[in-house]
Amino acid sequence: MIGAADNARGATRGGARIAASGVRLRSLAACVAVLGLGALAGCGGSSDKVEAVTLQARIDVIEAEVRTRIGPAACSSDGECRVLPMGALACGGPASFVPYSIRATDEGALGRLSTDHQALSAEQLKQRAALGPCVVLPVPAAYCELSAPLSCKTR
């Protein structure tokens, strides 16, 4: 999952890096992309492992797309800043919120990516039979940080 700190470290423009989650995951994700889901068995995994890897690869691709679409989150006022819910908690609700600027962002596309990411993350938790504390994260306030470069942040 990506959070505000990951937004700053995230993928380079154009998706040159998918995620900082390691070479193994990137190579498995590449295997999924190149060979297709039907041929993934040749990558050396059982069907449960294949499903988990493809699910994680899909999550990683969405995170990279979100970071690319958000970009530097340039702003000139707080009114241009919003937060995007990402991921899922075991008891429901988003796992994190990512700040973005409406100035040059397609909010509809971001919303669809967020919905897909939350659904895939919830499915991943279900597959792992994940348990966790039942908490509801407060939605952070988004604001335009006035130091150069101006960009949306959360508090």
C-alpha atoms as a PDB file:
ATOM      1  CA  MET A   1       0.000   0.000   0.000  1.00  0.00           C
ATOM      2  CA  ILE A   2       1.137   3.519  -0.528  1.00  0.00           C
ATOM      3  CA  GLY A   3       0.905   6.366   1.877  1.00  0.00           C
ATOM      4  CA  ALA A   4       1.831  10.025   1.944  1.00  0.00           C
ATOM      5  CA  ALA A   5       5.503   9.270   2.529  1.00  0.00           C
ATOM      6  CA  ASP A   6       5.505   6.792  -0.344  1.00  0.00           C
ATOM      7  CA  ASN A   7       4.028   9.471  -2.620  1.00  0.00           C
ATOM      8  CA  ALA A   8       7.252  11.447  -2.248  1.00  0.00           C
ATOM      9  CA  ARG A   9       9.458   8.357  -2.783  1.00  0.00           C
ATOM     10  CA  GLY A  10       7.177   6.693  -5.344  1.00  0.00           C
ATOM     11  CA  ALA A  11       7.497   5.696  -8.934  1.00  0.00           C
ATOM     12  CA  THR A  12       9.337   7.910 -11.307  1.00  0.00           C
ATOM     13  CA  ARG A  13       7.380   9.683 -14.032  1.00  0.00           C
ATOM     14  CA  GLY A  14       6.229   7.280 -16.719  1.00  0.00           C
ATOM     15  CA  GLY A  15       6.345   4.298 -14.356  1.00  0.00           C
ATOM     16  CA  ALA A  16      10.068   3.567 -14.737  1.00  0.00           C
ATOM     17  CA  ARG A  17       9.945   1.945 -11.283  1.00  0.00           C
ATOM     18  CA  ILE A  18       6.831   0.049 -10.248  1.00  0.00           C
ATOM     19  CA  ALA A  19       7.505  -0.291  -6.521  1.00  0.00           C
ATOM     20  CA  ALA A  20      10.327  -0.429  -4.041  1.00  0.00           C
ATOM     21  CA  SER A  21       9.215  -3.881  -2.931  1.00  0.00           C
ATOM     22  CA  GLY A  22      12.200  -5.808  -4.251  1.00  0.00           C
ATOM     23  CA  VAL A  23      13.600  -7.433  -7.320  1.00  0.00           C
ATOM     24  CA  ARG A  24      11.762 -10.730  -6.797  1.00  0.00           C
ATOM     25  CA  LEU A  25       8.323  -9.115  -6.851  1.00  0.00           C
ATOM     26  CA  ARG A  26       9.209  -7.055  -9.909  1.00  0.00           C
ATOM     27  CA  SER A  27      10.450 -10.132 -11.766  1.00  0.00           C
ATOM     28  CA  LEU A  28       7.286 -12.056 -10.871  1.00  0.00           C
ATOM     29  CA  ALA A  29       5.159  -9.095 -11.929  1.00  0.00           C
ATOM     30  CA  ALA A  30       7.097  -8.959 -15.188  1.00  0.00           C
ATOM     31  CA  CYS A  31       6.464 -12.675 -15.660  1.00  0.00           C
ATOM     32  CA  VAL A  32       2.742 -12.032 -15.233  1.00  0.00           C
ATOM     33  CA  ALA A  33       2.828  -9.176 -17.730  1.00  0.00           C
ATOM     34  CA  VAL A  34       4.917 -10.973 -20.348  1.00  0.00           C
ATOM     35  CA  LEU A  35       3.543 -14.492 -20.190  1.00  0.00           C
ATOM     36  CA  GLY A  36      -0.033 -13.747 -19.211  1.00  0.00           C
ATOM     37  CA  LEU A  37      -1.958 -15.282 -16.359  1.00  0.00           C
ATOM     38  CA  GLY A  38      -2.606 -18.588 -18.123  1.00  0.00           C
ATOM     39  CA  ALA A  39       1.088 -19.352 -18.627  1.00  0.00           C
ATOM     40  CA  LEU A  40       2.206 -18.302 -15.144  1.00  0.00           C
ATOM     41  CA  ALA A  41       2.532 -21.885 -13.954  1.00  0.00           C
ATOM     42  CA  GLY A  42       5.830 -21.952 -15.877  1.00  0.00           C
ATOM     43  CA  CYS A  43       7.157 -19.343 -13.449  1.00  0.00           C
ATOM     44  CA  GLY A  44       7.283 -22.010 -10.761  1.00  0.00           C
ATOM     45  CA  GLY A  45       4.301 -21.508  -8.460  1.00  0.00           C
ATOM     46  CA  SER A  46       1.262 -23.396  -7.239  1.00  0.00           C
ATOM     47  CA  SER A  47      -2.150 -21.991  -8.097  1.00  0.00           C
ATOM     48  CA  ASP A  48      -2.473 -20.343  -4.647  1.00  0.00           C
ATOM     49  CA  LYS A  49       0.940 -18.743  -5.033  1.00  0.00           C
ATOM     50  CA  VAL A  50       0.132 -17.703  -8.590  1.00  0.00           C
ATOM     51  CA  GLU A  51      -3.075 -16.059  -7.453  1.00  0.00           C
ATOM     52  CA  ALA A  52      -1.296 -14.255  -4.596  1.00  0.00           C
ATOM     53  CA  VAL A  53       1.484 -13.063  -6.903  1.00  0.00           C
ATOM     54  CA  THR A  54      -0.892 -11.864  -9.596  1.00  0.00           C
ATOM     55  CA  LEU A  55      -3.023 -10.101  -6.999  1.00  0.00           C
ATOM     56  CA  GLN A  56       0.044  -8.347  -5.560  1.00  0.00           C
ATOM     57  CA  ALA A  57       1.241  -7.469  -9.069  1.00  0.00           C
ATOM     58  CA  ARG A  58      -2.136  -5.882  -9.845  1.00  0.00           C
ATOM     59  CA  ILE A  59      -1.982  -3.907  -6.582  1.00  0.00           C
ATOM     60  CA  ASP A  60       1.559  -2.744  -7.421  1.00  0.00           C
ATOM     61  CA  VAL A  61       0.512  -1.630 -10.906  1.00  0.00           C
ATOM     62  CA  ILE A  62      -2.398   0.394  -9.501  1.00  0.00           C
ATOM     63  CA  GLU A  63      -0.103   2.024  -6.916  1.00  0.00           C
ATOM     64  CA  ALA A  64       2.343   2.990  -9.654  1.00  0.00           C
ATOM     65  CA  GLU A  65      -0.489   4.401 -11.781  1.00  0.00           C
ATOM     66  CA  VAL A  66      -1.802   6.423  -8.831  1.00  0.00           C
ATOM     67  CA  ARG A  67       1.662   7.870  -8.122  1.00  0.00           C
ATOM     68  CA  THR A  68       2.121   8.710 -11.805  1.00  0.00           C
ATOM     69  CA  ARG A  69      -1.285  10.392 -12.070  1.00  0.00           C
ATOM     70  CA  ILE A  70      -0.756  12.372  -8.861  1.00  0.00           C
ATOM     71  CA  GLY A  71       2.758  13.421  -9.829  1.00  0.00           C
ATOM     72  CA  PRO A  72       4.152  16.241  -7.707  1.00  0.00           C
ATOM     73  CA  ALA A  73       0.639  17.233  -6.476  1.00  0.00           C
ATOM     74  CA  ALA A  74       1.345  20.881  -7.323  1.00  0.00           C
ATOM     75  CA  CYS A  75      -0.975  23.408  -5.720  1.00  0.00           C
ATOM     76  CA  SER A  76      -1.378  27.100  -4.994  1.00  0.00           C
ATOM     77  CA  SER A  77      -4.033  26.865  -2.254  1.00  0.00           C
ATOM     78  CA  ASP A  78      -5.530  24.382   0.207  1.00  0.00           C
ATOM     79  CA  GLY A  79      -8.684  24.266  -1.924  1.00  0.00           C
ATOM     80  CA  GLU A  80      -6.784  22.383  -4.627  1.00  0.00           C
ATOM     81  CA  CYS A  81      -5.790  19.530  -2.285  1.00  0.00           C
ATOM     82  CA  ARG A  82      -7.715  16.317  -1.604  1.00  0.00           C
ATOM     83  CA  VAL A  83      -6.965  12.866  -0.145  1.00  0.00           C
ATOM     84  CA  LEU A  84      -7.406   9.533  -1.893  1.00  0.00           C
ATOM     85  CA  PRO A  85      -8.276   6.449   0.200  1.00  0.00           C
ATOM     86  CA  MET A  86      -6.002   3.487  -0.552  1.00  0.00           C
ATOM     87  CA  GLY A  87      -5.817  -0.139   0.551  1.00  0.00           C
ATOM     88  CA  ALA A  88      -8.017  -1.925   3.029  1.00  0.00           C
ATOM     89  CA  LEU A  89      -7.998  -2.784   6.712  1.00  0.00           C
ATOM     90  CA  ALA A  90      -9.061  -6.216   7.983  1.00  0.00           C
ATOM     91  CA  CYS A  91     -12.233  -4.813   9.563  1.00  0.00           C
ATOM     92  CA  GLY A  92     -13.001  -2.519   6.636  1.00  0.00           C
ATOM     93  CA  GLY A  93     -12.142   0.990   5.598  1.00  0.00           C
ATOM     94  CA  PRO A  94      -9.038   2.328   3.843  1.00  0.00           C
ATOM     95  CA  ALA A  95      -5.539   1.570   5.129  1.00  0.00           C
ATOM     96  CA  SER A  96      -4.081   4.941   4.132  1.00  0.00           C
ATOM     97  CA  PHE A  97      -4.775   8.241   2.441  1.00  0.00           C
ATOM     98  CA  VAL A  98      -2.652   9.833  -0.281  1.00  0.00           C
ATOM     99  CA  PRO A  99      -2.721  13.589  -0.905  1.00  0.00           C
ATOM    100  CA  TYR A 100      -3.257  14.861  -4.441  1.00  0.00           C
ATOM    101  CA  SER A 101      -3.996  18.104  -6.240  1.00  0.00           C
ATOM    102  CA  ILE A 102      -7.075  18.623  -8.393  1.00  0.00           C
ATOM    103  CA  ARG A 103      -5.136  21.132 -10.493  1.00  0.00           C
ATOM    104  CA  ALA A 104      -3.936  18.635 -13.108  1.00  0.00           C
ATOM    105  CA  THR A 105      -5.461  15.347 -11.976  1.00  0.00           C
ATOM    106  CA  ASP A 106      -8.353  13.364 -13.424  1.00  0.00           C
ATOM    107  CA  GLU A 107     -10.335  12.813 -10.214  1.00  0.00           C
ATOM    108  CA  GLY A 108     -12.642  10.273 -11.856  1.00  0.00           C
ATOM    109  CA  ALA A 109      -9.720   8.091 -12.952  1.00  0.00           C
ATOM    110  CA  LEU A 110      -8.100   8.393  -9.521  1.00  0.00           C
ATOM    111  CA  GLY A 111     -11.387   7.423  -7.872  1.00  0.00           C
ATOM    112  CA  ARG A 112     -11.678   4.305 -10.033  1.00  0.00           C
ATOM    113  CA  LEU A 113      -8.068   3.343  -9.264  1.00  0.00           C
ATOM    114  CA  SER A 114      -8.720   3.864  -5.544  1.00  0.00           C
ATOM    115  CA  THR A 115     -11.837   1.668  -5.668  1.00  0.00           C
ATOM    116  CA  ASP A 116      -9.956  -1.080  -7.518  1.00  0.00           C
ATOM    117  CA  HIS A 117      -7.011  -0.860  -5.102  1.00  0.00           C
ATOM    118  CA  GLN A 118      -9.292  -1.095  -2.065  1.00  0.00           C
ATOM    119  CA  ALA A 119     -11.123  -4.121  -3.525  1.00  0.00           C
ATOM    120  CA  LEU A 120      -7.886  -5.940  -4.424  1.00  0.00           C
ATOM    121  CA  SER A 121      -6.370  -5.150  -1.031  1.00  0.00           C
ATOM    122  CA  ALA A 122      -9.487  -6.476   0.715  1.00  0.00           C
ATOM    123  CA  GLU A 123      -9.280  -9.644  -1.397  1.00  0.00           C
ATOM    124  CA  GLN A 124      -5.614 -10.025  -0.466  1.00  0.00           C
ATOM    125  CA  LEU A 125      -6.477  -9.717   3.236  1.00  0.00           C
ATOM    126  CA  LYS A 126      -9.223 -12.319   2.773  1.00  0.00           C
ATOM    127  CA  GLN A 127      -6.808 -14.740   1.072  1.00  0.00           C
ATOM    128  CA  ARG A 128      -4.311 -14.308   3.887  1.00  0.00           C
ATOM    129  CA  ALA A 129      -7.046 -14.642   6.521  1.00  0.00           C
ATOM    130  CA  ALA A 130      -5.577 -11.457   7.940  1.00  0.00           C
ATOM    131  CA  LEU A 131      -6.671 -10.213  11.306  1.00  0.00           C
ATOM    132  CA  GLY A 132      -6.016  -6.808  12.705  1.00  0.00           C
ATOM    133  CA  PRO A 133      -7.306  -4.257  15.144  1.00  0.00           C
ATOM    134  CA  CYS A 134     -10.701  -2.913  14.221  1.00  0.00           C
ATOM    135  CA  VAL A 135      -9.943   0.757  13.917  1.00  0.00           C
ATOM    136  CA  VAL A 136     -11.240   3.454  11.649  1.00  0.00           C
ATOM    137  CA  LEU A 137      -8.562   5.779  10.386  1.00  0.00           C
ATOM    138  CA  PRO A 138      -9.579   9.409  10.515  1.00  0.00           C
ATOM    139  CA  VAL A 139      -9.541  11.083   7.116  1.00  0.00           C
ATOM    140  CA  PRO A 140      -6.574  13.467   7.246  1.00  0.00           C
ATOM    141  CA  ALA A 141      -6.904  17.076   6.199  1.00  0.00           C
ATOM    142  CA  ALA A 142      -5.200  17.939   2.924  1.00  0.00           C
ATOM    143  CA  TYR A 143      -3.384  21.242   2.633  1.00  0.00           C
ATOM    144  CA  CYS A 144      -1.040  23.048   0.279  1.00  0.00           C
ATOM    145  CA  GLU A 145       2.431  23.209   1.788  1.00  0.00           C
ATOM    146  CA  LEU A 146       3.727  26.715   1.198  1.00  0.00           C
ATOM    147  CA  SER A 147       7.410  25.821   1.005  1.00  0.00           C
ATOM    148  CA  ALA A 148       8.943  25.315  -2.418  1.00  0.00           C
ATOM    149  CA  PRO A 149       7.901  23.368  -4.321  1.00  0.00           C
ATOM    150  CA  LEU A 150       4.253  23.913  -3.428  1.00  0.00           C
ATOM    151  CA  SER A 151       2.561  20.547  -3.084  1.00  0.00           C
ATOM    152  CA  CYS A 152      -0.374  18.892  -1.342  1.00  0.00           C
ATOM    153  CA  LYS A 153       0.327  17.182   1.987  1.00  0.00           C
ATOM    154  CA  THR A 154      -1.786  15.712   4.789  1.00  0.00           C
ATOM    155  CA  ARG A 155      -1.926  16.386   8.503  1.00  0.00           C
END
